């Protein structure tokens, strides 16, 4: 397990099961892409991508060109398809065809540059339907529909958009975005369509189209707000107890003396802090678990340490230095930690720092080089 004082366990079998569930949900006519941006949401892009590849994934999305190049370096040349959501980065146009990468074209300028840099090579066209971030805006879409020749030399492998509020199932914007997307996509017959993220995937088959792009749900996060989580948990997190100490009534703990003990008690200092991505907003709000006991965080979360109140635990049940307390696991979900921190599961996952000792668990060997080389032939 290594010498690190905090451990991040990644259940690759659960990851595979989540991906397989998506495949079953959408059926054989719809592809399930692998969203592995931000180092596969902090869990390790290489082992995650290999598991997804073995499960049948042949299209991966990343955020940046650097992420795409790193992923291509771990997988076979040209296969699988790797698409860059950030678009066609200026000055790096030749990197895409040279490394078998697909740009997601977000502006008409990118469409033009791709046509000149790699004529005849496919790209994905991103149209904005309400997010107002990336993607062709209304004026660009109108220009393109009036003059399809603007796509000369740019064959499209897919057209995509992105939901703003799909995790709120009753939000009226979701239906409006779907309608707008369908209207635009109708001008591109035969081109694959992709709209749904994790939440959209669970809204019904009419939202699936040809490619779905599950992110947080793939990694075990709840896809829809206020509904039971149907996904297998993928992540477990635990940290080591460094010291137990007696405290007296009236004493304080940590920076700023923000917590004062109202009675004599016992606290445990744990090897974890905001340098590990354990958010400072959990100060005085979050909790960890030892056996069946909930241990409140007292005082401020500091760079490397968190203090837990162990008062009231029977002497025989107390943790000892070297024991590991649970942060995410059977007693506390990813969503619960995020809620206590006043944030979303995405931030908790992607913020998990490099100091964690990552443990990837799988019954099947994810370093199956023969499998990868055989898949690369197709």
Protein backbone atom coordinates (compact mmCIF):
# COMPACT_ATOMS: atom_id res chain seq x y z
CA UNK A 1 0.00 0.00 0.00
CA UNK A 2 3.02 2.31 0.17
CA UNK A 3 4.00 4.73 2.93
CA UNK A 4 1.53 7.52 2.17
CA UNK A 5 -0.60 8.58 5.11
CA UNK A 6 -3.81 8.86 3.06
CA UNK A 7 -5.15 6.30 0.62
CA UNK A 8 -7.48 6.71 -2.34
CA UNK A 9 -9.01 3.39 -3.40
CA UNK A 10 -10.40 3.14 -6.94
CA UNK A 11 -12.62 0.15 -7.69
CA UNK A 12 -12.08 -0.49 -11.39
CA UNK A 13 -14.60 -3.34 -11.40
CA UNK A 14 -17.27 -0.88 -10.21
CA UNK A 15 -16.15 1.56 -12.91
CA UNK A 16 -16.54 -1.17 -15.52
CA UNK A 17 -19.97 -2.09 -14.12
CA UNK A 18 -21.12 1.54 -14.38
CA UNK A 19 -19.95 1.75 -17.98
CA UNK A 20 -21.68 -1.53 -18.83
CA UNK A 21 -24.87 -0.23 -17.26
CA UNK A 22 -24.78 2.77 -19.57
CA UNK A 23 -24.31 0.48 -22.56
CA UNK A 24 -27.35 -1.55 -21.51
CA UNK A 25 -29.41 1.57 -20.87
CA UNK A 26 -28.81 3.17 -24.27
CA UNK A 27 -28.75 -0.01 -26.37
CA UNK A 28 -26.50 -1.10 -29.22
CA UNK A 29 -27.33 1.78 -31.57
CA UNK A 30 -25.90 4.41 -29.20
CA UNK A 31 -22.22 4.69 -28.25
CA UNK A 32 -21.06 5.44 -24.72
CA UNK A 33 -18.06 7.77 -24.74
CA UNK A 34 -15.48 7.80 -21.97
CA UNK A 35 -15.06 11.20 -20.30
CA UNK A 36 -11.53 11.09 -18.88
CA UNK A 37 -10.65 14.78 -18.60
CA UNK A 38 -8.84 16.08 -15.50
CA UNK A 39 -6.89 12.83 -15.11
CA UNK A 40 -10.13 10.82 -15.26
CA UNK A 41 -11.69 13.05 -12.59
CA UNK A 42 -8.61 12.64 -10.43
CA UNK A 43 -8.64 8.84 -10.43
CA UNK A 44 -5.84 8.15 -12.92
CA UNK A 45 -6.39 8.39 -16.66
CA UNK A 46 -4.23 5.43 -17.70
CA UNK A 47 -5.88 2.65 -15.64
CA UNK A 48 -9.34 4.16 -16.16
CA UNK A 49 -8.92 4.42 -19.93
CA UNK A 50 -7.64 0.86 -20.17
CA UNK A 51 -10.66 -0.49 -18.31
CA UNK A 52 -13.04 1.47 -20.52
CA UNK A 53 -11.24 0.32 -23.64
CA UNK A 54 -11.57 -3.29 -22.53
CA UNK A 55 -15.27 -2.69 -21.90
CA UNK A 56 -15.77 -1.56 -25.49
CA UNK A 57 -15.26 2.21 -25.37
CA UNK A 58 -13.85 3.56 -28.63
CA UNK A 59 -14.34 7.31 -28.11
CA UNK A 60 -12.74 9.33 -25.33
CA UNK A 61 -13.20 13.01 -24.49
CA UNK A 62 -10.58 15.13 -22.74
CA UNK A 63 -10.50 18.85 -22.02
CA UNK A 64 -7.12 20.00 -23.32
CA UNK A 65 -4.57 19.15 -25.97
CA UNK A 66 -2.02 18.21 -23.30
CA UNK A 67 -4.50 15.71 -21.84
CA UNK A 68 -5.10 14.27 -25.31
CA UNK A 69 -1.39 13.86 -26.02
CA UNK A 70 -0.82 12.17 -22.66
CA UNK A 71 -3.71 9.77 -23.25
CA UNK A 72 -2.58 8.99 -26.79
CA UNK A 73 0.85 8.17 -25.38
CA UNK A 74 -0.64 5.40 -23.24
CA UNK A 75 -2.89 3.90 -25.92
CA UNK A 76 -2.39 2.58 -29.43
CA UNK A 77 -1.68 5.10 -32.24
CA UNK A 78 -4.88 6.33 -33.94
CA UNK A 79 -7.13 4.06 -31.85
CA UNK A 80 -9.33 4.75 -30.00
CA UNK A 81 -10.67 8.15 -31.06
CA UNK A 82 -9.68 10.94 -28.67
CA UNK A 83 -11.64 14.21 -28.90
CA UNK A 84 -10.48 17.52 -27.41
CA UNK A 85 -13.35 19.51 -25.89
CA UNK A 86 -11.26 22.66 -25.61
CA UNK A 87 -11.16 22.87 -29.38
CA UNK A 88 -8.43 23.53 -31.93
CA UNK A 89 -5.71 25.35 -30.03
CA UNK A 90 -4.10 28.13 -32.07
CA UNK A 91 -0.58 27.29 -33.20
CA UNK A 92 -0.97 23.59 -32.46
CA UNK A 93 -3.14 22.60 -35.42
CA UNK A 94 -0.62 20.05 -36.76
CA UNK A 95 -0.49 18.20 -33.43
CA UNK A 96 -4.00 16.86 -33.95
CA UNK A 97 -3.56 14.90 -37.19
CA UNK A 98 -0.01 13.93 -36.21
CA UNK A 99 -1.34 12.20 -33.10
CA UNK A 100 -4.68 10.96 -34.38
CA UNK A 101 -6.70 13.46 -32.34
CA UNK A 102 -10.14 14.87 -33.13
CA UNK A 103 -10.83 18.53 -32.35
CA UNK A 104 -14.22 19.65 -31.11
CA UNK A 105 -14.71 22.75 -33.24
CA UNK A 106 -16.22 25.54 -31.15
CA UNK A 107 -16.05 28.54 -33.50
CA UNK A 108 -16.22 29.24 -37.22
CA UNK A 109 -12.59 30.32 -36.98
CA UNK A 110 -11.68 26.83 -35.77
CA UNK A 111 -13.71 25.30 -38.59
CA UNK A 112 -11.73 27.31 -41.13
CA UNK A 113 -8.35 26.56 -39.51
CA UNK A 114 -9.08 22.83 -39.35
CA UNK A 115 -10.09 22.76 -43.01
CA UNK A 116 -6.72 24.25 -43.93
CA UNK A 117 -4.60 22.32 -41.43
CA UNK A 118 -6.05 18.84 -42.01
CA UNK A 119 -8.34 18.78 -45.06
CA UNK A 120 -10.46 15.68 -45.17
CA UNK A 121 -9.88 14.69 -41.55
CA UNK A 122 -13.04 14.47 -39.41
CA UNK A 123 -13.94 16.75 -36.54
CA UNK A 124 -16.82 17.16 -34.08
CA UNK A 125 -18.93 20.31 -34.38
CA UNK A 126 -20.09 21.88 -31.12
CA UNK A 127 -23.19 24.08 -31.27
CA UNK A 128 -24.27 26.09 -28.25
CA UNK A 129 -27.91 25.63 -27.24
CA UNK A 130 -27.93 27.61 -24.01
CA UNK A 131 -24.75 27.15 -21.97
CA UNK A 132 -23.07 30.26 -23.45
CA UNK A 133 -19.58 28.89 -22.91
CA UNK A 134 -18.06 27.03 -25.86
CA UNK A 135 -19.69 26.17 -29.17
CA UNK A 136 -20.99 28.01 -32.21
CA UNK A 137 -23.35 30.77 -31.13
CA UNK A 138 -26.66 31.55 -32.80
CA UNK A 139 -25.16 33.84 -35.42
CA UNK A 140 -22.49 31.30 -36.38
CA UNK A 141 -25.05 28.53 -36.63
CA UNK A 142 -27.23 30.69 -38.87
CA UNK A 143 -24.25 31.45 -41.14
CA UNK A 144 -23.37 27.78 -41.35
CA UNK A 145 -26.90 26.68 -42.15
CA UNK A 146 -27.18 29.34 -44.84
CA UNK A 147 -23.85 28.35 -46.38
CA UNK A 148 -22.93 24.66 -45.84
CA UNK A 149 -19.90 25.28 -48.05
CA UNK A 150 -18.20 26.77 -44.99
CA UNK A 151 -17.65 23.15 -43.93
CA UNK A 152 -15.87 22.31 -47.16
CA UNK A 153 -12.97 19.99 -46.38
CA UNK A 154 -14.26 19.33 -42.85
CA UNK A 155 -16.15 16.04 -42.63
CA UNK A 156 -18.07 15.79 -39.39
CA UNK A 157 -17.91 12.65 -37.27
CA UNK A 158 -20.50 14.11 -34.88
CA UNK A 159 -22.42 17.21 -33.87
CA UNK A 160 -22.77 17.91 -30.16
CA UNK A 161 -24.12 20.29 -27.58
CA UNK A 162 -24.18 20.33 -23.79
CA UNK A 163 -26.98 20.55 -21.23
CA UNK A 164 -26.98 23.30 -18.61
CA UNK A 165 -29.58 21.94 -16.18
CA UNK A 166 -30.16 18.26 -16.95
CA UNK A 167 -29.37 17.27 -13.35
CA UNK A 168 -32.62 19.07 -12.40
CA UNK A 169 -35.09 16.79 -14.22
CA UNK A 170 -37.97 19.27 -14.30
CA UNK A 171 -35.98 22.29 -15.44
CA UNK A 172 -37.68 23.79 -18.53
CA UNK A 173 -34.34 24.69 -20.12
CA UNK A 174 -33.52 21.03 -20.73
CA UNK A 175 -36.42 20.43 -23.10
CA UNK A 176 -35.69 23.70 -24.88
CA UNK A 177 -32.05 22.74 -25.42
CA UNK A 178 -33.04 19.35 -26.79
CA UNK A 179 -35.50 20.94 -29.21
CA UNK A 180 -32.94 23.49 -30.39
CA UNK A 181 -30.31 20.80 -30.84
CA UNK A 182 -32.65 18.61 -32.90
CA UNK A 183 -33.55 21.54 -35.14
CA UNK A 184 -29.87 22.24 -35.88
CA UNK A 185 -28.84 18.60 -36.21
CA UNK A 186 -31.57 18.06 -38.82
CA UNK A 187 -29.44 20.09 -41.26
CA UNK A 188 -26.69 17.45 -40.97
CA UNK A 189 -28.31 14.17 -42.01
CA UNK A 190 -26.20 11.11 -41.37
CA UNK A 191 -23.97 12.88 -38.84
CA UNK A 192 -23.97 11.33 -35.37
CA UNK A 193 -25.57 13.41 -32.63
CA UNK A 194 -24.44 13.78 -29.02
CA UNK A 195 -26.18 15.79 -26.31
CA UNK A 196 -26.49 13.91 -23.02
CA UNK A 197 -24.10 14.06 -20.11
CA UNK A 198 -24.57 11.85 -17.01
CA UNK A 199 -27.87 13.45 -16.07
CA UNK A 200 -29.27 13.59 -19.60
CA UNK A 201 -28.58 9.89 -20.02
CA UNK A 202 -31.16 9.14 -17.31
CA UNK A 203 -33.89 11.41 -18.71
CA UNK A 204 -35.11 8.87 -21.26
CA UNK A 205 -34.22 7.32 -24.59
CA UNK A 206 -35.29 10.41 -26.53
CA UNK A 207 -32.25 12.17 -25.04
CA UNK A 208 -29.69 9.54 -26.03
CA UNK A 209 -29.31 10.15 -29.77
CA UNK A 210 -26.13 8.46 -31.12
CA UNK A 211 -23.47 9.16 -28.47
CA UNK A 212 -23.83 9.79 -24.73
CA UNK A 213 -21.10 11.35 -22.63
CA UNK A 214 -21.40 10.28 -18.97
CA UNK A 215 -18.87 11.87 -16.63
CA UNK A 216 -19.57 12.02 -12.90
CA UNK A 217 -21.90 9.01 -12.97
CA UNK A 218 -19.18 6.87 -14.54
CA UNK A 219 -17.10 7.49 -11.42
CA UNK A 220 -19.96 6.66 -9.05
CA UNK A 221 -21.46 10.11 -8.55
CA UNK A 222 -25.23 10.66 -8.46
CA UNK A 223 -26.46 11.78 -11.91
CA UNK A 224 -29.70 13.47 -10.79
CA UNK A 225 -30.24 15.81 -7.87
CA UNK A 226 -32.68 14.67 -5.21
CA UNK A 227 -32.94 11.11 -6.48
CA UNK A 228 -31.33 7.87 -5.25
CA UNK A 229 -27.93 7.22 -6.77
CA UNK A 230 -28.16 4.22 -9.14
CA UNK A 231 -24.40 3.95 -9.70
CA UNK A 232 -21.83 1.65 -8.12
CA UNK A 233 -19.46 3.57 -5.81
CA UNK A 234 -16.00 3.72 -7.36
CA UNK A 235 -14.03 5.79 -4.84
CA UNK A 236 -12.97 5.16 -1.27
CA UNK A 237 -10.80 7.53 0.76
CA UNK A 238 -9.15 7.06 4.13
CA UNK A 239 -6.45 8.80 6.14
CA UNK A 240 -4.15 7.79 8.95
CA UNK A 241 -4.45 8.85 12.58
CA UNK A 242 -1.18 10.43 13.69
CA UNK A 243 -1.92 11.20 17.32
CA UNK A 244 -4.57 11.06 20.03
CA UNK A 245 -4.57 13.69 22.74
CA UNK A 246 -6.56 14.57 25.82
CA UNK A 247 -8.07 18.04 25.91
CA UNK A 248 -9.52 19.95 28.80
CA UNK A 249 -12.65 22.04 28.97
CA UNK A 250 -11.95 25.54 27.68
CA UNK A 251 -8.97 24.60 25.53
CA UNK A 252 -8.94 25.33 21.79
CA UNK A 253 -7.64 23.49 18.76
CA UNK A 254 -5.95 24.58 15.55
CA UNK A 255 -5.41 27.87 13.77
CA UNK A 256 -7.45 30.83 14.92
CA UNK A 257 -8.58 28.92 18.02
CA UNK A 258 -11.87 28.54 16.16
CA UNK A 259 -13.11 25.60 18.24
CA UNK A 260 -13.25 25.63 22.03
CA UNK A 261 -13.98 22.42 23.91
CA UNK A 262 -16.98 22.68 26.21
CA UNK A 263 -15.91 19.66 28.26
CA UNK A 264 -12.92 17.42 28.81
CA UNK A 265 -12.48 15.15 25.85
CA UNK A 266 -10.28 13.42 23.34
CA UNK A 267 -9.30 14.38 19.82
CA UNK A 268 -7.46 12.65 16.99
CA UNK A 269 -5.13 14.38 14.54
CA UNK A 270 -5.37 12.94 11.02
CA UNK A 271 -2.85 13.19 8.17
CA UNK A 272 -4.96 15.09 5.64
CA UNK A 273 -5.43 18.71 4.67
CA UNK A 274 -6.24 21.20 1.97
CA UNK A 275 -2.93 20.39 0.23
CA UNK A 276 -4.58 17.03 -0.49
CA UNK A 277 -7.73 18.68 -1.82
CA UNK A 278 -9.65 18.19 1.43
CA UNK A 279 -11.51 21.47 1.36
CA UNK A 280 -11.06 24.07 4.06
CA UNK A 281 -14.82 24.68 3.97
CA UNK A 282 -15.19 21.37 5.84
CA UNK A 283 -13.78 23.06 8.94
CA UNK A 284 -16.27 22.56 11.77
CA UNK A 285 -18.78 21.00 9.34
CA UNK A 286 -17.48 17.72 7.98
CA UNK A 287 -16.94 14.37 9.63
CA UNK A 288 -15.02 11.13 9.28
CA UNK A 289 -15.79 7.63 10.48
CA UNK A 290 -14.04 5.09 12.65
CA UNK A 291 -15.90 1.77 12.80
CA UNK A 292 -19.52 2.81 13.45
CA UNK A 293 -18.58 6.13 15.07
CA UNK A 294 -19.03 9.50 13.39
CA UNK A 295 -16.14 11.82 14.28
CA UNK A 296 -16.86 15.53 13.76
CA UNK A 297 -14.14 17.78 12.37
CA UNK A 298 -13.23 20.35 15.00
CA UNK A 299 -11.17 23.45 14.31
CA UNK A 300 -9.87 24.49 10.94
CA UNK A 301 -8.73 22.16 8.21
CA UNK A 302 -5.07 23.09 7.74
CA UNK A 303 -2.62 22.32 4.97
CA UNK A 304 -1.68 18.86 6.22
CA UNK A 305 -3.84 18.07 9.24
CA UNK A 306 -7.44 17.66 10.37
CA UNK A 307 -8.58 17.24 13.97
CA UNK A 308 -11.50 14.97 14.92
CA UNK A 309 -13.51 14.87 18.14
CA UNK A 310 -13.37 11.35 19.59
CA UNK A 311 -15.01 12.25 22.89
CA UNK A 312 -17.45 9.60 24.07
CA UNK A 313 -16.00 6.63 22.23
CA UNK A 314 -15.41 3.71 24.63
CA UNK A 315 -11.74 3.29 25.48
CA UNK A 316 -11.59 -0.17 23.87
CA UNK A 317 -12.96 1.18 20.57
CA UNK A 318 -10.70 4.20 20.17
CA UNK A 319 -8.52 4.43 17.05
CA UNK A 320 -4.78 4.20 17.57
CA UNK A 321 -2.00 6.05 15.77
CA UNK A 322 -1.53 4.24 12.47
CA UNK A 323 -5.21 3.34 12.09
CA UNK A 324 -7.07 4.71 9.07
CA UNK A 325 -10.34 6.60 9.39
CA UNK A 326 -12.89 6.65 6.58
CA UNK A 327 -13.65 9.83 4.63
CA UNK A 328 -15.51 8.29 1.68
CA UNK A 329 -16.79 4.74 1.93
CA UNK A 330 -19.60 2.62 3.30
CA UNK A 331 -20.52 5.17 5.98
CA UNK A 332 -20.23 8.37 3.96
CA UNK A 333 -20.79 8.96 0.26
CA UNK A 334 -19.02 11.31 -2.11
CA UNK A 335 -22.23 13.37 -2.24
CA UNK A 336 -22.34 13.67 1.55
CA UNK A 337 -18.79 15.01 1.71
CA UNK A 338 -19.54 17.48 -1.07
CA UNK A 339 -22.72 18.64 0.68
CA UNK A 340 -20.87 19.22 3.95
CA UNK A 341 -18.24 21.21 2.04
CA UNK A 342 -20.89 23.33 0.30
CA UNK A 343 -19.81 22.17 -3.14
CA UNK A 344 -20.43 19.45 -5.73
CA UNK A 345 -18.93 15.96 -6.10
CA UNK A 346 -16.98 17.07 -9.19
CA UNK A 347 -14.85 19.44 -7.11
CA UNK A 348 -14.19 16.81 -4.46
CA UNK A 349 -13.03 14.24 -7.03
CA UNK A 350 -10.97 16.46 -9.30
CA UNK A 351 -9.32 18.20 -6.34
CA UNK A 352 -7.87 15.04 -4.83
CA UNK A 353 -4.18 15.75 -4.61
CA UNK A 354 -1.06 13.93 -5.71
CA UNK A 355 -0.06 12.98 -2.16
CA UNK A 356 -2.72 10.30 -1.93
CA UNK A 357 -1.49 6.77 -2.44
CA UNK A 358 -3.80 5.57 -5.19
CA UNK A 359 -4.81 1.93 -5.08
CA UNK A 360 -6.53 0.57 -8.19
CA UNK A 361 -8.46 -2.60 -7.48
CA UNK A 362 -9.64 -4.94 -10.24
CA UNK A 363 -10.09 -8.66 -10.73
CA UNK A 364 -9.01 -8.35 -14.36
CA UNK A 365 -5.54 -7.12 -15.27
CA UNK A 366 -5.89 -3.63 -16.75
CA UNK A 367 -2.39 -3.79 -18.26
CA UNK A 368 -3.51 -6.13 -21.01
CA UNK A 369 -1.09 -5.02 -23.74
CA UNK A 370 -2.03 -7.87 -26.08
CA UNK A 371 -5.68 -6.82 -25.86
CA UNK A 372 -4.79 -3.23 -26.67
CA UNK A 373 -2.66 -4.18 -29.65
CA UNK A 374 -5.40 -6.43 -31.00
CA UNK A 375 -8.04 -3.69 -30.60
CA UNK A 376 -5.77 -1.27 -32.45
CA UNK A 377 -6.09 -3.35 -35.62
CA UNK A 378 -9.79 -2.54 -36.02
